[in-house]
Amino acid sequence: MSTFAYAAFATATGCSAMSFGGGGSTDSYDSASITYDNKGNPITQSYGGNVGTNGNLSESGSKTTINGSLSTPRSGTGTCSTSTVTAVSVNGNATLTGGITELPQNVTYTTPPAPSPAPPTTSMSIQKSASCPISTNCTASGADTVITGGTSSTTATLLGNVSLDSQANLHFAAPACSAAATPVYINMNSIQVTGNATITVDPIQCPSGTVTTKYPEIILNVAGSGVTAPIDLTGSTLTNPSLNPADFQLLYAGTGQVTLNGGSAAAGLLYAPNASFKLNGGGNWYGAVIAGLITDLGGGAIHYDRELQKEFYSVGPYMLSTFNWQKY
């Protein structure tokens, strides 16, 4: 099955497994053929923002709109309780444009493997005056700290508990002259932003300094050992200029809190099927989210990339394909 078949999928089975409110919304776009308005903002379409959950969707607020369908093994609408988990609970004229698709069973997402090699759990600070927290795969100039990923999962760049101070600029990059869309790997224990900082996915560069318009696939595998909030980008601005969410992938196997901050070019994939996820504020997230619990109550918009339907696949549930009677 397509791994990222929905703008957002919550694996929890209870009430409010997925919560949208305060003007939160979903819709879609196509990263292979992006068009922009006269202000340079990507134009999205008011369809294709399908969501799913193994439990209940709670919607509230007159401007809250799911521009797509809801898929869930639950049925019915109205008040949700532990004894009767309905498919959707709507308050305040919130909208679900595509209706409800009843699934035959719960959807199971495989827990991603723990980072191997395991990252350290030491504190690493990225500051306004750039300096390298590690001795290799890092350069620092002015306010810019550039971390280069490894070319395979076994040679991943290792980072500990990374904190970004106010006005710090952290860049993730591929080795020089890498092929387009080549995955590069970074294993870290946690990342937290304490102030107004930026995180940028850099285009591929060659030793001559030539900057291409092609981007690598940055894969951040987060361990979260001993940390309750292993991914907290509340105070950051994420910039992925390609708006291809495959170029910034966050993997997390644990049950901690994950908070992402939207932005005008915040594009990425979150695969954290056991975690609690929150989209902070009223920004934009271009891509898709898979988490245990999903909360978008601050007016944030999740713009689903329709290209994801043909880019990532995982094993789906077993299905009966043949049946035969035999006489003995």
Protein backbone atom coordinates (compact mmCIF):
# COMPACT_ATOMS: atom_id res chain seq x y z
CA MET A 1 0.00 0.00 0.00
CA SER A 2 1.03 3.62 -0.35
CA THR A 3 2.71 4.56 2.94
CA PHE A 4 1.74 8.23 2.80
CA ALA A 5 -1.75 7.82 1.36
CA TYR A 6 -3.22 10.55 3.57
CA ALA A 7 -2.40 14.12 4.48
CA ALA A 8 -2.51 12.89 8.07
CA PHE A 9 -3.15 9.52 9.69
CA ALA A 10 -3.54 8.91 13.44
CA THR A 11 -3.02 5.32 14.53
CA ALA A 12 -4.75 5.72 17.92
CA THR A 13 -8.13 4.02 18.30
CA GLY A 14 -9.97 6.27 20.77
CA CYS A 15 -11.84 9.57 20.82
CA SER A 16 -10.01 12.59 19.39
CA ALA A 17 -7.30 10.42 17.95
CA MET A 18 -7.17 13.23 15.41
CA SER A 19 -8.21 16.78 16.33
CA PHE A 20 -8.57 19.76 13.99
CA GLY A 21 -9.80 23.13 15.20
CA GLY A 22 -9.25 26.88 15.15
CA GLY A 23 -9.31 26.97 11.36
CA GLY A 24 -7.03 23.98 10.86
CA SER A 25 -7.33 22.49 7.40
CA THR A 26 -6.07 20.07 4.78
CA ASP A 27 -5.88 20.27 1.00
CA SER A 28 -3.35 19.15 -1.64
CA TYR A 29 -0.84 20.10 -4.32
CA ASP A 30 1.52 18.32 -6.71
CA SER A 31 5.24 18.85 -6.05
CA ALA A 32 6.03 17.77 -9.63
CA SER A 33 4.13 20.73 -11.11
CA ILE A 34 3.88 23.53 -8.54
CA THR A 35 2.29 26.80 -9.55
CA TYR A 36 2.65 30.04 -7.58
CA ASP A 37 0.52 33.12 -7.02
CA ASN A 38 1.73 36.67 -7.65
CA LYS A 39 3.22 36.78 -4.13
CA GLY A 40 5.31 33.68 -4.70
CA ASN A 41 3.14 31.39 -2.56
CA PRO A 42 2.41 27.84 -3.78
CA ILE A 43 -1.13 27.39 -5.08
CA THR A 44 -2.93 24.43 -3.53
CA GLN A 45 -6.15 22.72 -4.57
CA SER A 46 -9.21 22.32 -2.34
CA TYR A 47 -9.36 18.55 -2.71
CA GLY A 48 -7.13 15.54 -2.02
CA GLY A 49 -6.45 16.43 1.62
CA ASN A 50 -7.75 13.08 2.82
CA VAL A 51 -7.20 12.07 6.44
CA GLY A 52 -7.47 8.78 8.27
CA THR A 53 -7.44 7.33 11.77
CA ASN A 54 -8.08 4.08 13.57
CA GLY A 55 -10.22 6.08 15.97
CA ASN A 56 -12.26 9.27 15.97
CA LEU A 57 -11.81 12.61 14.18
CA SER A 58 -12.81 15.64 16.25
CA GLU A 59 -13.46 18.85 14.27
CA SER A 60 -14.36 22.24 15.71
CA GLY A 61 -14.55 25.84 14.51
CA SER A 62 -16.41 27.39 11.61
CA LYS A 63 -13.29 27.75 9.44
CA THR A 64 -11.94 24.27 10.12
CA THR A 65 -12.08 22.30 6.87
CA ILE A 66 -10.88 18.88 5.79
CA ASN A 67 -10.78 19.20 2.01
CA GLY A 68 -11.06 15.48 1.46
CA SER A 69 -12.45 12.33 3.02
CA LEU A 70 -12.06 10.62 6.39
CA SER A 71 -11.07 6.93 6.40
CA THR A 72 -11.64 4.98 9.62
CA PRO A 73 -12.88 1.56 10.75
CA ARG A 74 -15.29 3.43 13.06
CA SER A 75 -18.81 4.35 12.02
CA GLY A 76 -21.39 6.95 12.91
CA THR A 77 -21.20 10.63 13.78
CA GLY A 78 -21.77 12.61 16.93
CA THR A 79 -20.57 12.42 20.51
CA CYS A 80 -17.65 10.09 21.07
CA SER A 81 -17.15 8.07 24.27
CA THR A 82 -14.93 5.24 25.44
CA SER A 83 -17.83 2.84 25.01
CA THR A 84 -18.93 4.22 21.63
CA VAL A 85 -16.11 5.58 19.48
CA THR A 86 -17.77 7.33 16.55
CA ALA A 87 -16.05 8.06 13.26
CA VAL A 88 -16.32 11.84 13.53
CA SER A 89 -17.50 14.48 15.98
CA VAL A 90 -18.15 17.91 14.46
CA ASN A 91 -18.77 21.13 16.35
CA GLY A 92 -19.06 24.77 15.29
CA ASN A 93 -19.83 24.19 11.60
CA ALA A 94 -16.50 22.56 10.80
CA THR A 95 -16.46 20.86 7.39
CA LEU A 96 -15.52 17.43 6.04
CA THR A 97 -15.98 17.77 2.29
CA GLY A 98 -15.35 14.19 1.14
CA GLY A 99 -17.48 12.21 3.57
CA ILE A 100 -16.51 9.05 5.43
CA THR A 101 -14.90 5.90 4.02
CA GLU A 102 -15.34 2.96 6.40
CA LEU A 103 -12.22 0.79 6.55
CA PRO A 104 -12.60 -2.98 7.02
CA GLN A 105 -9.97 -3.04 9.78
CA ASN A 106 -7.38 -0.93 11.58
CA VAL A 107 -4.43 0.30 9.55
CA THR A 108 -1.09 -0.81 10.98
CA TYR A 109 2.14 1.07 10.33
CA THR A 110 5.42 -0.69 11.06
CA THR A 111 7.50 0.97 13.76
CA PRO A 112 10.66 2.38 12.15
CA PRO A 113 13.92 0.75 13.25
CA ALA A 114 15.91 2.42 15.99
CA PRO A 115 18.88 4.43 14.69
CA SER A 116 21.89 2.20 14.13
CA PRO A 117 24.55 3.17 14.91
CA ALA A 118 22.92 4.77 17.94
CA PRO A 119 23.54 8.49 18.39
CA PRO A 120 25.14 9.91 21.56
CA THR A 121 23.02 11.51 24.28
CA THR A 122 25.37 14.44 24.90
CA SER A 123 24.15 18.03 24.59
CA MET A 124 25.07 19.83 21.38
CA SER A 125 24.31 23.52 20.93
CA ILE A 126 23.91 25.34 17.60
CA GLN A 127 24.32 29.06 18.19
CA LYS A 128 24.05 32.33 16.28
CA SER A 129 27.85 32.46 16.06
CA ALA A 130 28.30 29.24 14.13
CA SER A 131 30.48 26.46 15.45
CA CYS A 132 30.56 22.73 14.82
CA PRO A 133 29.19 20.41 17.52
CA ILE A 134 30.92 17.43 15.87
CA SER A 135 34.43 17.06 14.46
CA THR A 136 33.49 15.58 11.07
CA ASN A 137 30.75 16.19 8.49
CA CYS A 138 30.31 19.77 9.68
CA THR A 139 31.35 23.23 8.54
CA ALA A 140 30.67 26.58 10.19
CA SER A 141 30.80 30.06 8.72
CA GLY A 142 29.28 33.25 10.09
CA ALA A 143 25.87 32.28 11.42
CA ASP A 144 25.56 29.09 9.35
CA THR A 145 26.27 25.61 10.69
CA VAL A 146 26.14 22.95 7.95
CA ILE A 147 25.74 19.27 8.86
CA THR A 148 26.47 16.80 6.06
CA GLY A 149 24.73 13.43 6.22
CA GLY A 150 26.26 10.01 5.62
CA THR A 151 25.73 8.17 2.37
CA SER A 152 24.22 5.04 3.98
CA SER A 153 22.28 4.18 7.12
CA THR A 154 25.34 2.44 8.59
CA THR A 155 27.55 5.50 8.02
CA ALA A 156 25.02 8.05 9.24
CA THR A 157 26.25 11.28 10.78
CA LEU A 158 25.67 11.07 14.55
CA LEU A 159 24.25 13.94 16.63
CA GLY A 160 23.21 13.99 20.28
CA ASN A 161 20.64 16.27 21.93
CA VAL A 162 20.75 19.20 19.53
CA SER A 163 19.43 22.59 20.69
CA LEU A 164 19.13 25.62 18.43
CA ASP A 165 19.53 28.98 20.11
CA SER A 166 17.85 32.17 18.97
CA GLN A 167 18.84 33.24 15.42
CA ALA A 168 20.93 30.12 14.86
CA ASN A 169 20.98 28.76 11.30
CA LEU A 170 21.26 24.99 10.89
CA HIS A 171 21.67 23.52 7.41
CA PHE A 172 21.35 19.87 6.39
CA ALA A 173 23.30 18.92 3.26
CA ALA A 174 24.52 16.04 1.12
CA PRO A 175 28.15 15.29 0.27
CA ALA A 176 29.42 17.36 -2.64
CA CYS A 177 28.19 16.42 -6.13
CA SER A 178 25.75 13.78 -4.88
CA ALA A 179 23.20 12.47 -7.32
CA ALA A 180 19.76 14.04 -7.15
CA ALA A 181 17.35 12.45 -4.67
CA THR A 182 20.16 10.37 -3.14
CA PRO A 183 19.32 9.65 0.52
CA VAL A 184 21.69 10.96 3.16
CA TYR A 185 21.38 9.83 6.76
CA ILE A 186 21.61 11.62 10.08
CA ASN A 187 20.96 9.82 13.39
CA MET A 188 20.24 12.11 16.32
CA ASN A 189 18.90 11.67 19.81
CA SER A 190 16.73 14.79 19.89
CA ILE A 191 16.33 18.26 18.44
CA GLN A 192 14.87 21.28 20.20
CA VAL A 193 14.57 24.92 19.21
CA THR A 194 14.64 27.42 22.07
CA GLY A 195 14.30 30.60 20.04
CA ASN A 196 13.75 32.05 16.58
CA ALA A 197 16.06 29.82 14.53
CA THR A 198 16.12 28.42 10.99
CA ILE A 199 16.56 24.91 9.62
CA THR A 200 17.32 24.67 5.90
CA VAL A 201 17.63 21.82 3.42
CA ASP A 202 20.52 22.79 1.15
CA PRO A 203 20.70 22.07 -2.60
CA ILE A 204 23.47 19.82 -3.89
CA GLN A 205 26.81 21.59 -4.41
CA CYS A 206 30.04 20.64 -6.17
CA PRO A 207 33.58 21.47 -5.01
CA SER A 208 33.77 24.33 -7.48
CA GLY A 209 30.96 25.99 -5.53
CA THR A 210 28.37 25.40 -8.22
CA VAL A 211 24.93 25.22 -6.65
CA THR A 212 22.41 23.03 -8.44
CA THR A 213 18.63 23.15 -8.24
CA LYS A 214 18.58 19.50 -7.18
CA TYR A 215 18.13 18.31 -3.62
CA PRO A 216 19.03 15.18 -1.67
CA GLU A 217 16.66 13.22 0.56
CA ILE A 218 17.63 14.17 4.11
CA ILE A 219 16.62 11.36 6.48
CA LEU A 220 16.67 12.21 10.19
CA ASN A 221 16.24 9.14 12.38
CA VAL A 222 15.55 10.30 15.93
CA ALA A 223 16.19 7.98 18.89
CA GLY A 224 14.67 10.09 21.70
CA SER A 225 16.50 8.19 24.46
CA GLY A 226 15.69 9.71 27.86
CA VAL A 227 13.78 12.62 26.27
CA THR A 228 10.01 13.25 26.53
CA ALA A 229 9.89 15.64 23.56
CA PRO A 230 12.48 14.36 21.08
CA ILE A 231 11.39 16.63 18.21
CA ASP A 232 10.37 20.16 19.15
CA LEU A 233 10.65 22.69 16.32
CA THR A 234 8.28 25.20 17.95
CA GLY A 235 10.60 28.17 17.59
CA SER A 236 12.03 27.36 14.19
CA THR A 237 11.46 28.16 10.55
CA LEU A 238 11.95 25.11 8.35
CA THR A 239 12.86 25.85 4.74
CA ASN A 240 12.80 23.10 2.13
CA PRO A 241 12.92 25.16 -1.09
CA SER A 242 12.02 22.24 -3.36
CA LEU A 243 8.66 21.80 -1.56
CA ASN A 244 9.21 18.09 -2.19
CA PRO A 245 8.50 16.55 1.23
CA ALA A 246 10.67 13.52 0.41
CA ASP A 247 13.68 15.85 0.76
CA PHE A 248 13.15 16.14 4.54
CA GLN A 249 12.09 12.95 6.33
CA LEU A 250 11.68 12.62 10.10
CA LEU A 251 11.56 9.09 11.51
CA TYR A 252 10.83 8.40 15.18
CA ALA A 253 9.89 5.06 16.76
CA GLY A 254 9.05 6.23 20.29
CA THR A 255 5.98 7.51 22.11
CA GLY A 256 7.16 11.03 22.99
CA GLN A 257 5.85 14.41 21.87
CA VAL A 258 6.62 15.71 18.37
CA THR A 259 5.93 19.38 17.57
CA LEU A 260 6.48 20.89 14.15
CA ASN A 261 6.23 24.50 13.09
CA GLY A 262 4.65 25.43 9.77
CA GLY A 263 6.05 27.95 7.33
CA SER A 264 5.92 29.20 3.77
CA ALA A 265 8.36 26.48 2.63
CA ALA A 266 8.04 23.94 5.43
CA ALA A 267 7.88 20.69 3.47
CA GLY A 268 8.56 17.27 4.92
CA LEU A 269 7.36 13.85 6.00
CA LEU A 270 6.83 12.76 9.58
CA TYR A 271 6.72 9.01 10.20
CA ALA A 272 6.16 8.53 13.93
CA PRO A 273 3.32 5.99 14.28
CA ASN A 274 3.57 5.75 18.07
CA ALA A 275 4.09 9.41 18.96
CA SER A 276 1.83 12.35 19.82
CA PHE A 277 2.03 15.05 17.16
CA LYS A 278 1.14 18.74 17.27
CA LEU A 279 1.25 21.24 14.42
CA ASN A 280 2.16 24.48 16.12
CA GLY A 281 0.53 27.80 15.26
CA GLY A 282 -1.15 28.73 12.02
CA GLY A 283 1.58 27.86 9.54
CA ASN A 284 1.70 25.56 6.53
CA TRP A 285 3.08 22.01 6.40
CA TYR A 286 3.61 20.65 2.89
CA GLY A 287 3.72 16.85 2.85
CA ALA A 288 2.17 14.30 5.19
CA VAL A 289 2.09 13.17 8.81
CA ILE A 290 1.74 9.70 10.37
CA ALA A 291 1.54 9.67 14.16
CA GLY A 292 -0.29 8.05 17.06
CA LEU A 293 -2.26 11.16 18.05
CA ILE A 294 -2.57 14.21 15.79
CA THR A 295 -3.52 17.69 16.99
CA ASP A 296 -3.96 20.80 14.84
CA LEU A 297 -5.93 23.33 16.88
CA GLY A 298 -4.10 26.53 16.00
CA GLY A 299 -5.25 27.00 12.43
CA GLY A 300 -2.36 25.18 10.76
CA ALA A 301 -2.77 23.78 7.24
CA ILE A 302 -1.48 20.41 6.07
CA HIS A 303 -1.04 20.46 2.30
CA TYR A 304 -0.80 16.89 1.02
CA ASP A 305 1.59 16.23 -1.87
CA ARG A 306 -0.23 14.00 -4.33
CA GLU A 307 3.13 12.75 -5.68
CA LEU A 308 3.48 10.75 -2.46
CA GLN A 309 0.92 8.25 -3.72
CA LYS A 310 3.56 6.82 -6.05
CA GLU A 311 6.79 7.37 -4.12
CA PHE A 312 6.64 5.33 -0.88
CA TYR A 313 5.17 1.88 -0.31
CA SER A 314 4.83 -0.52 2.62
CA VAL A 315 3.30 -3.95 3.17
CA GLY A 316 -0.46 -3.72 3.60
CA PRO A 317 -2.82 -6.07 5.47
CA TYR A 318 -3.14 -9.64 4.28
CA MET A 319 -6.04 -10.22 1.92
CA LEU A 320 -7.80 -13.38 0.66
CA SER A 321 -6.80 -13.72 -2.98
CA THR A 322 -8.09 -17.24 -3.87
CA PHE A 323 -10.59 -19.74 -2.47
CA ASN A 324 -11.23 -23.30 -3.47
CA TRP A 325 -13.61 -26.08 -2.33
CA GLN A 326 -12.22 -29.61 -2.34
CA LYS A 327 -14.13 -32.83 -1.84
CA TYR A 328 -12.59 -35.54 0.32
